[in-house]
Protein backbone atom coordinates (compact mmCIF):
# COMPACT_ATOMS: atom_id res chain seq x y z
CA MET A 1 219.83 -68.16 128.31
CA GLU A 2 218.23 -71.01 130.20
CA GLU A 3 218.54 -71.18 133.90
CA ILE A 4 219.52 -74.83 134.89
CA CYS A 5 219.82 -74.79 138.77
CA SER A 6 221.16 -72.98 141.76
CA PHE A 7 223.31 -74.01 144.60
CA THR A 8 224.77 -72.59 147.73
CA ILE A 9 228.42 -72.15 148.60
CA ASN A 10 229.46 -70.44 151.82
CA ASN A 11 225.98 -68.92 152.37
CA LYS A 12 225.82 -67.44 148.73
CA VAL A 13 223.38 -68.80 146.24
CA TYR A 14 224.93 -69.17 142.76
CA THR A 15 222.85 -69.87 139.54
CA ILE A 16 224.08 -71.92 136.60
CA TYR A 17 222.75 -70.96 133.18
CA ASP A 18 223.33 -72.62 129.74
CA VAL A 19 223.89 -69.89 127.02
CA ASP A 20 224.06 -69.68 123.32
CA LYS A 21 227.09 -67.40 123.34
CA ILE A 22 229.15 -65.73 126.03
CA SER A 23 229.17 -62.14 124.78
CA GLY A 24 232.32 -60.26 124.57
CA LEU A 25 234.59 -63.00 125.07
CA LYS A 26 236.05 -64.71 121.87
CA SER A 27 237.43 -68.05 123.08
CA TYR A 28 235.69 -68.64 126.48
CA VAL A 29 233.12 -71.34 126.73
CA GLY A 30 232.41 -70.62 130.60
CA ARG A 31 232.36 -67.58 132.83
CA SER A 32 231.88 -67.17 136.53
CA ASP A 33 230.35 -63.85 137.83
CA TYR A 34 231.05 -63.56 141.50
CA LEU A 35 229.26 -60.07 142.00
CA TYR A 36 225.87 -61.52 140.75
CA THR A 37 226.78 -65.13 141.72
CA ASP A 38 226.09 -66.68 138.16
CA ILE A 39 227.85 -69.22 136.22
CA TYR A 40 227.50 -69.18 132.33
CA ILE A 41 228.09 -72.29 130.40
CA GLU A 42 228.23 -71.83 126.45
CA LYS A 43 226.20 -74.61 124.65
CA GLY A 44 228.27 -77.10 122.79
CA THR A 45 229.02 -80.77 123.22
CA PHE A 46 227.93 -82.55 126.24
CA GLU A 47 231.60 -83.48 127.22
CA GLN A 48 232.71 -79.78 126.60
CA MET A 49 229.98 -78.29 128.73
CA LEU A 50 230.56 -80.66 131.48
CA ILE A 51 234.35 -79.97 131.54
CA THR A 52 233.57 -76.30 131.28
CA LEU A 53 231.01 -76.51 134.30
CA LYS A 54 233.81 -78.39 136.45
CA HIS A 55 236.28 -75.71 135.48
CA GLU A 56 233.99 -72.80 136.45
CA LEU A 57 232.94 -74.50 139.70
CA MET A 58 236.53 -74.63 140.62
CA HIS A 59 237.05 -70.87 140.12
CA VAL A 60 233.98 -70.31 142.25
CA TRP A 61 235.18 -72.77 144.90
CA LEU A 62 238.52 -71.03 145.17
CA TYR A 63 236.96 -67.56 145.13
CA GLU A 64 234.73 -68.29 147.89
CA ASN A 65 237.28 -70.05 150.02
CA GLY A 66 239.50 -66.96 150.06
CA HIS A 67 241.59 -67.24 146.75
CA LYS A 68 240.34 -63.90 145.39
CA ASN A 69 243.43 -63.28 143.21
CA GLN A 70 242.59 -65.20 139.95
CA LYS A 71 244.53 -63.20 137.41
CA GLY A 72 247.42 -65.88 137.33
CA ASP A 73 249.61 -64.12 139.98
CA GLU A 74 249.05 -66.73 142.72
CA ILE A 75 251.24 -69.76 142.80
CA PHE A 76 250.35 -73.09 144.14
CA SER A 77 252.61 -75.91 144.91
CA TYR A 78 252.09 -79.55 144.11
CA GLU A 79 250.92 -80.11 147.55
CA ASP A 80 248.59 -77.15 147.46
CA LEU A 81 246.93 -78.54 144.41
CA CYS A 82 246.36 -81.86 146.05
CA GLU A 83 244.90 -80.32 148.98
CA LEU A 84 242.69 -78.04 147.11
CA THR A 85 241.45 -80.80 144.87
CA ALA A 86 240.65 -83.02 148.02
CA LEU A 87 238.83 -80.39 149.75
CA SER A 88 236.84 -79.24 146.58
CA ASN A 89 236.06 -82.62 145.02
CA ASP A 90 232.88 -83.68 146.90
CA SER A 91 231.40 -80.07 146.68
CA ILE A 92 232.11 -79.89 142.81
CA ASN A 93 230.89 -83.39 142.35
CA ARG A 94 227.64 -82.65 144.22
CA ILE A 95 226.68 -79.57 142.17
CA VAL A 96 227.66 -81.43 138.81
CA LYS A 97 224.91 -84.04 139.89
CA LEU A 98 222.53 -81.27 140.77
CA TYR A 99 223.13 -79.89 137.18
CA LEU A 100 222.72 -83.07 135.52
CA PHE A 101 219.55 -83.97 137.40
CA SER A 102 218.06 -80.46 136.54
CA LYS A 103 218.84 -81.37 132.99
CA LYS A 104 217.24 -84.78 133.47
CA ILE A 105 220.13 -86.59 132.00
CA TYR A 106 222.10 -87.82 135.19
CA TRP A 107 220.97 -91.38 134.80
CA PHE A 108 222.40 -91.57 131.19
CA PHE A 109 225.67 -90.07 132.24
CA SER A 110 226.27 -91.03 135.75
CA ASP A 111 229.04 -93.43 135.14
CA PHE A 112 230.70 -91.05 132.49
CA CYS A 113 230.60 -87.92 134.48
CA LEU A 114 231.80 -88.49 138.09
């Protein structure tokens, strides 16, 4: 497990880790732990890791902004999705840049990533 970087969202510090395998989960390539404020990204292709990171950051953003029911029961309208995307976009892209800078590869992938 490799610690990549940390960031703050709503006064909570989350840490992002690259891991070889997410234990106990067969098909997941990312996991967010709200109690310990950690995000785990399974090592794979760069593209898959970046998509997974953005996906997990959206989980964290939703959770930390009051959407605690993430078992699939909450229903969002089309307008809700547009609003959530607009509100979360800058925050998520800022954290993705931090992750890439921490891995010292931002300069190479900056056009591709954001």
